[in-house]
Amino acid sequence: MKKIIFGIFSILFILNGSSKYAGEFITGSMDPRSLALGNNILTSFSDATAAYYNPSFMPELEGKSLFISHSERFEGLVNQEFIGFTTKMDNHYLGFTLIRLGVDDIPLTKLDSNEGGVSENNRPSISKYVDDNEIALGVSYGFKYNEKFNFGGSAKILYKGFEEESAYGVGFDISALYKFDEKNLFAAKIQDVTTSSLFWTTGSSEFIKPSIYFGGEYNLFWEYMNANVKLLGGGRIGTEGYDRNSDLSFSEFDLTFNGGVEFLISEVLILRGGTEMERWGCGVGVTMYGAELDYSFKPNNNLGDTHKVSLSYNWK
């Protein structure tokens, strides 16, 4: 039943060119860490997720990084994959990302007879199964401006496909990182800075309006637990007017806040917890020899729980 409902909404979006939720598949958490910490994390990355969240942080990474993540949302109805890779070439820091959000095997129905409406003798039956796919391929660049400032940006190719129809588009992001000192960082990003466009084969179009992300962190050491502790907080300023899905909204603007805490215990065990709009998430990870395995969980009584798992590896 859920897949049938999702299919109906997908068809309506294609026919009407709905723009308000056009960029949902490239918004929010792509990995377990971000989900557990309240989404929209912009600082303190240790892997290739920096290429997606904040390209200006890539100069802070050492060597190369490969990241792979899988998640299931709404009790497995929606699957999401994320792959990221970062590297350094001379003084240039490059990143590549691939996002895929999909719902597989959506049943499309038709009436047994084209004459008349639904009745006891003319029942709908499944005619075929189709997939809904939303894909983003990104290239990111970051550089150190000076000892305090880093800057970065991303270009992305967007694709959506449902049954026989498809859409293509492009988008751009820019970001900046400011380092007060080793313990205090602040970052900001403008996503879809030029308003990203998607053009459907039906002749309709979708537009993803700009969003502003901001966030910071404070680092300390808890000797009793032998743990490095990160306190993170930030938010998102949207221009879609999400009055029901935000902490504050006015006119066409909406504002959401997020925050979380991360413990790295004995340089091996990672514990995380965070919240966004009174929805909490938690996660756990293990890191050693350049590899890291992470898992996170976020409950939702109405739409079903979200699970994310990832594996990353860093090398020189």
Protein backbone atom coordinates (compact mmCIF):
# COMPACT_ATOMS: atom_id res chain seq x y z
CA MET A 1 0.00 0.00 0.00
CA LYS A 2 2.80 2.45 0.88
CA LYS A 3 4.45 1.89 -2.50
CA ILE A 4 1.15 2.52 -4.31
CA ILE A 5 0.73 5.81 -2.44
CA PHE A 6 4.34 6.78 -3.21
CA GLY A 7 3.74 6.01 -6.89
CA ILE A 8 0.66 8.24 -6.98
CA PHE A 9 2.61 11.16 -5.50
CA SER A 10 5.49 10.59 -7.93
CA ILE A 11 3.12 10.78 -10.90
CA LEU A 12 1.51 13.96 -9.56
CA PHE A 13 4.92 15.60 -9.08
CA ILE A 14 5.92 14.76 -12.65
CA LEU A 15 2.68 16.06 -14.15
CA ASN A 16 2.51 19.23 -12.08
CA GLY A 17 6.22 20.05 -11.93
CA SER A 18 6.15 20.39 -8.15
CA SER A 19 9.13 22.43 -6.95
CA LYS A 20 8.67 22.74 -3.21
CA TYR A 21 10.12 19.28 -2.50
CA ALA A 22 12.27 18.96 -5.61
CA GLY A 23 15.53 18.97 -3.68
CA GLU A 24 14.61 16.65 -0.83
CA PHE A 25 16.86 13.86 -2.11
CA ILE A 26 19.96 16.08 -1.79
CA THR A 27 18.96 17.55 1.57
CA GLY A 28 19.65 16.21 5.05
CA SER A 29 21.85 13.37 6.22
CA MET A 30 23.67 11.11 3.80
CA ASP A 31 25.63 9.18 6.42
CA PRO A 32 25.21 7.70 9.92
CA ARG A 33 27.23 10.43 11.64
CA SER A 34 25.08 13.28 10.41
CA LEU A 35 21.84 11.43 11.16
CA ALA A 36 22.95 10.74 14.73
CA LEU A 37 24.05 14.34 15.32
CA GLY A 38 20.88 16.04 14.12
CA ASN A 39 21.66 16.47 10.38
CA ASN A 40 23.41 19.30 8.55
CA ILE A 41 26.84 18.90 10.15
CA LEU A 42 29.42 21.23 8.57
CA THR A 43 32.58 20.68 10.63
CA SER A 44 34.99 18.06 12.03
CA PHE A 45 34.91 15.50 9.23
CA SER A 46 37.38 12.65 9.13
CA ASP A 47 36.33 11.19 5.77
CA ALA A 48 35.06 11.91 2.26
CA THR A 49 31.61 13.07 3.42
CA ALA A 50 33.21 16.52 3.61
CA ALA A 51 32.98 16.66 -0.20
CA TYR A 52 29.18 16.71 0.08
CA TYR A 53 28.52 18.58 3.32
CA ASN A 54 31.27 21.19 3.22
CA PRO A 55 33.96 21.20 0.49
CA SER A 56 35.87 23.92 2.35
CA PHE A 57 36.72 21.34 5.02
CA MET A 58 38.54 19.03 2.58
CA PRO A 59 41.92 20.80 3.09
CA GLU A 60 41.76 19.66 6.73
CA LEU A 61 41.75 15.98 5.71
CA GLU A 62 44.97 14.01 5.52
CA GLY A 63 45.58 11.88 2.45
CA LYS A 64 42.83 10.13 0.53
CA SER A 65 39.44 8.95 1.77
CA LEU A 66 36.80 6.55 0.44
CA PHE A 67 33.33 6.45 1.99
CA ILE A 68 30.35 4.14 1.30
CA SER A 69 26.98 4.38 3.02
CA HIS A 70 23.58 2.64 2.79
CA SER A 71 20.36 3.59 4.53
CA GLU A 72 16.77 2.44 4.73
CA ARG A 73 13.98 4.87 5.51
CA PHE A 74 10.29 4.39 6.26
CA GLU A 75 10.68 0.74 7.26
CA GLY A 76 12.76 -0.09 4.19
CA LEU A 77 10.47 1.59 1.67
CA VAL A 78 13.10 4.15 0.59
CA ASN A 79 16.74 3.15 0.04
CA GLN A 80 19.63 5.57 -0.17
CA GLU A 81 23.24 5.02 -1.22
CA PHE A 82 26.09 7.48 -0.90
CA ILE A 83 29.66 7.13 -2.19
CA GLY A 84 32.37 9.74 -1.65
CA PHE A 85 36.05 10.06 -2.50
CA THR A 86 38.51 12.84 -1.66
CA THR A 87 42.11 13.38 -2.66
CA LYS A 88 44.83 16.03 -2.81
CA MET A 89 46.66 17.07 -5.96
CA ASP A 90 49.49 19.47 -5.15
CA ASN A 91 47.68 22.21 -3.20
CA HIS A 92 44.28 21.39 -4.70
CA TYR A 93 41.71 19.36 -2.78
CA LEU A 94 39.17 17.44 -4.87
CA GLY A 95 36.11 15.40 -3.98
CA PHE A 96 33.64 13.25 -5.88
CA THR A 97 30.22 12.14 -4.63
CA LEU A 98 27.35 9.97 -5.83
CA ILE A 99 23.91 9.97 -4.21
CA ARG A 100 21.10 7.61 -5.13
CA LEU A 101 17.65 7.69 -3.52
CA GLY A 102 15.18 5.12 -4.77
CA VAL A 103 11.98 3.20 -4.28
CA ASP A 104 11.96 -0.12 -6.10
CA ASP A 105 9.07 -2.23 -7.38
CA ILE A 106 6.27 0.32 -7.18
CA PRO A 107 3.07 -1.37 -8.45
CA LEU A 108 1.08 0.49 -11.13
CA THR A 109 -2.54 -0.57 -11.47
CA LYS A 110 -5.18 -0.45 -14.19
CA LEU A 111 -8.83 -1.43 -14.45
CA ASP A 112 -9.73 -4.77 -15.98
CA SER A 113 -12.01 -2.91 -18.40
CA ASN A 114 -11.63 0.58 -19.83
CA GLU A 115 -15.39 1.00 -19.81
CA GLY A 116 -16.89 2.46 -16.66
CA GLY A 117 -15.32 3.10 -13.29
CA VAL A 118 -14.32 0.88 -10.40
CA SER A 119 -16.97 -1.70 -9.52
CA GLU A 120 -17.27 -5.25 -8.25
CA ASN A 121 -16.92 -6.47 -11.83
CA ASN A 122 -14.22 -4.00 -12.82
CA ARG A 123 -11.51 -4.18 -10.21
CA PRO A 124 -8.04 -2.60 -10.46
CA SER A 125 -5.14 -5.00 -10.93
CA ILE A 126 -1.38 -4.57 -11.04
CA SER A 127 -0.22 -4.00 -14.61
CA LYS A 128 3.52 -3.66 -13.95
CA TYR A 129 6.18 -2.64 -11.44
CA VAL A 130 8.35 0.45 -11.85
CA ASP A 131 11.16 2.16 -9.93
CA ASP A 132 11.60 5.73 -8.76
CA ASN A 133 15.23 6.90 -8.89
CA GLU A 134 16.79 10.21 -7.89
CA ILE A 135 20.53 10.61 -8.47
CA ALA A 136 23.09 13.36 -7.91
CA LEU A 137 26.70 13.24 -9.14
CA GLY A 138 28.95 15.91 -7.64
CA VAL A 139 32.47 17.29 -8.04
CA SER A 140 33.89 19.41 -5.21
CA TYR A 141 36.91 21.66 -4.79
CA GLY A 142 38.40 23.20 -1.64
CA PHE A 143 41.41 25.34 -0.79
CA LYS A 144 43.10 27.08 2.13
CA TYR A 145 42.90 30.85 1.83
CA ASN A 146 45.04 31.44 4.92
CA GLU A 147 45.57 29.96 8.38
CA LYS A 148 42.04 30.92 9.44
CA PHE A 149 39.87 30.63 6.32
CA ASN A 150 39.10 27.81 3.88
CA PHE A 151 36.76 28.07 0.90
CA GLY A 152 35.12 25.49 -1.34
CA GLY A 153 32.40 24.73 -3.83
CA SER A 154 30.58 21.94 -5.64
CA ALA A 155 28.94 21.36 -9.00
CA LYS A 156 26.37 18.59 -9.33
CA ILE A 157 24.43 16.87 -12.08
CA LEU A 158 20.89 15.92 -11.05
CA TYR A 159 18.68 13.15 -12.42
CA LYS A 160 15.20 11.89 -11.64
CA GLY A 161 13.43 9.01 -13.30
CA PHE A 162 10.01 7.43 -12.89
CA GLU A 163 8.59 4.84 -15.30
CA GLU A 164 9.21 6.25 -18.80
CA GLU A 165 9.75 9.87 -17.78
CA SER A 166 12.99 11.49 -16.60
CA ALA A 167 14.45 14.85 -15.65
CA TYR A 168 17.94 16.35 -15.76
CA GLY A 169 19.45 19.40 -14.14
CA VAL A 170 22.50 21.03 -12.59
CA GLY A 171 23.24 22.79 -9.31
CA PHE A 172 26.03 24.59 -7.46
CA ASP A 173 27.03 24.99 -3.79
CA ILE A 174 29.59 27.24 -2.08
CA SER A 175 31.00 26.99 1.44
CA ALA A 176 33.47 28.51 3.89
CA LEU A 177 35.24 27.39 7.07
CA TYR A 178 36.64 29.65 9.80
CA LYS A 179 39.03 28.31 12.45
CA PHE A 180 39.03 30.38 15.63
CA ASP A 181 41.58 27.96 17.12
CA GLU A 182 42.08 24.20 17.40
CA LYS A 183 38.97 23.81 19.57
CA ASN A 184 36.51 26.17 17.90
CA LEU A 185 35.32 26.02 14.29
CA PHE A 186 32.49 27.68 12.36
CA ALA A 187 31.26 26.96 8.84
CA ALA A 188 28.56 28.08 6.43
CA LYS A 189 27.27 26.81 3.11
CA ILE A 190 24.85 28.06 0.48
CA GLN A 191 23.31 25.06 -1.26
CA ASP A 192 21.84 25.46 -4.75
CA VAL A 193 23.19 29.00 -4.75
CA THR A 194 21.96 29.82 -8.28
CA THR A 195 18.63 27.94 -7.90
CA SER A 196 19.04 24.46 -9.35
CA SER A 197 16.75 23.44 -12.21
CA LEU A 198 15.32 20.09 -13.28
CA PHE A 199 13.66 19.73 -16.69
CA TRP A 200 11.30 16.79 -17.29
CA THR A 201 10.71 15.01 -20.57
CA THR A 202 7.01 15.85 -20.05
CA GLY A 203 7.81 19.52 -20.58
CA SER A 204 7.40 20.50 -16.94
CA SER A 205 10.20 21.75 -14.71
CA GLU A 206 11.24 21.87 -11.05
CA PHE A 207 13.39 24.44 -9.27
CA ILE A 208 15.40 23.92 -6.08
CA LYS A 209 15.70 27.20 -4.22
CA PRO A 210 18.83 28.19 -2.27
CA SER A 211 19.31 27.16 1.36
CA ILE A 212 21.81 28.51 3.88
CA TYR A 213 23.45 26.11 6.33
CA PHE A 214 25.53 27.18 9.32
CA GLY A 215 27.20 25.28 12.12
CA GLY A 216 29.98 25.25 14.65
CA GLU A 217 31.76 22.99 17.10
CA TYR A 218 33.65 23.10 20.38
CA ASN A 219 36.20 20.43 21.32
CA LEU A 220 37.27 19.32 24.78
CA PHE A 221 38.87 16.31 26.49
CA TRP A 222 37.09 14.33 29.21
CA GLU A 223 39.89 12.72 31.19
CA TYR A 224 37.61 10.44 33.24
CA MET A 225 36.39 8.68 30.06
CA ASN A 226 39.64 9.18 28.12
CA ALA A 227 37.40 10.73 25.49
CA ASN A 228 37.65 13.52 22.96
CA VAL A 229 34.29 15.29 23.03
CA LYS A 230 32.75 17.39 20.28
CA LEU A 231 29.79 19.67 20.92
CA LEU A 232 28.10 20.59 17.64
CA GLY A 233 25.23 22.89 16.72
CA GLY A 234 23.84 24.69 13.73
CA GLY A 235 20.84 25.20 11.54
CA ARG A 236 19.33 25.69 8.12
CA ILE A 237 17.62 28.72 6.60
CA GLY A 238 15.36 27.62 3.76
CA THR A 239 13.47 29.65 1.17
CA GLU A 240 10.61 27.22 0.57
CA GLY A 241 8.37 28.31 3.45
CA TYR A 242 8.21 24.95 5.28
CA ASP A 243 5.91 26.19 8.04
CA ARG A 244 5.11 22.66 9.26
CA ASN A 245 8.61 21.27 8.97
CA SER A 246 10.68 23.94 10.69
CA ASP A 247 11.27 25.51 14.08
CA LEU A 248 10.45 29.00 12.83
CA SER A 249 8.91 30.31 9.61
CA PHE A 250 8.06 33.71 8.23
CA SER A 251 6.93 34.58 4.73
CA GLU A 252 8.99 32.39 2.35
CA PHE A 253 11.72 31.65 4.88
CA ASP A 254 11.97 28.76 7.34
CA LEU A 255 14.54 28.03 10.03
CA THR A 256 15.49 24.74 11.69
CA PHE A 257 18.07 24.11 14.41
CA ASN A 258 20.10 21.01 15.19
CA GLY A 259 22.66 19.92 17.76
CA GLY A 260 24.58 16.92 18.94
CA VAL A 261 27.46 15.52 20.95
CA GLU A 262 30.14 13.01 19.90
CA PHE A 263 32.49 10.99 22.12
CA LEU A 264 35.66 9.37 20.77
CA ILE A 265 36.71 7.01 23.57
CA SER A 266 40.30 5.73 23.65
CA GLU A 267 40.64 6.65 19.95
CA VAL A 268 38.55 3.57 19.04
CA LEU A 269 34.90 3.69 20.16
CA ILE A 270 32.57 6.46 18.97
CA LEU A 271 29.23 7.34 20.60
CA ARG A 272 26.89 9.96 19.14
CA GLY A 273 23.55 11.56 19.90
CA GLY A 274 21.66 14.57 18.60
CA THR A 275 18.35 16.21 17.83
CA GLU A 276 16.59 18.22 15.15
CA MET A 277 13.07 19.60 15.55
CA GLU A 278 12.59 17.50 18.70
CA ARG A 279 13.43 14.32 16.76
CA TRP A 280 16.41 12.53 18.24
CA GLY A 281 18.95 10.17 16.70
CA CYS A 282 21.84 8.12 18.02
CA GLY A 283 24.78 6.21 16.64
CA VAL A 284 27.87 4.16 17.35
CA GLY A 285 31.13 3.64 15.49
CA VAL A 286 34.45 1.85 15.65
CA THR A 287 37.64 3.26 14.14
CA MET A 288 41.11 1.71 13.80
CA TYR A 289 43.95 1.46 11.26
CA GLY A 290 42.39 4.12 9.04
CA ALA A 291 39.04 2.31 8.73
CA GLU A 292 35.77 3.29 10.38
CA LEU A 293 32.46 1.43 10.65
CA ASP A 294 29.40 3.45 11.71
CA TYR A 295 25.72 2.83 12.42
CA SER A 296 22.91 5.21 13.36
CA PHE A 297 19.21 5.02 14.13
CA LYS A 298 16.40 7.57 14.08
CA PRO A 299 12.87 6.56 15.12
CA ASN A 300 9.64 7.82 13.58
CA ASN A 301 6.37 6.47 14.90
CA ASN A 302 4.35 7.70 11.92
CA LEU A 303 6.55 6.95 8.91
CA GLY A 304 8.84 4.22 10.21
CA ASP A 305 12.41 4.17 11.50
CA THR A 306 15.58 5.13 9.63
CA HIS A 307 18.76 3.03 9.75
CA LYS A 308 22.12 4.01 8.26
CA VAL A 309 25.38 2.08 8.05
CA SER A 310 28.70 3.13 6.51
CA LEU A 311 32.28 2.06 5.97
CA SER A 312 35.17 4.43 5.30
CA TYR A 313 38.90 4.10 4.79
CA ASN A 314 41.60 6.77 4.85
CA TRP A 315 45.14 6.38 3.53
CA LYS A 316 48.09 8.53 2.54
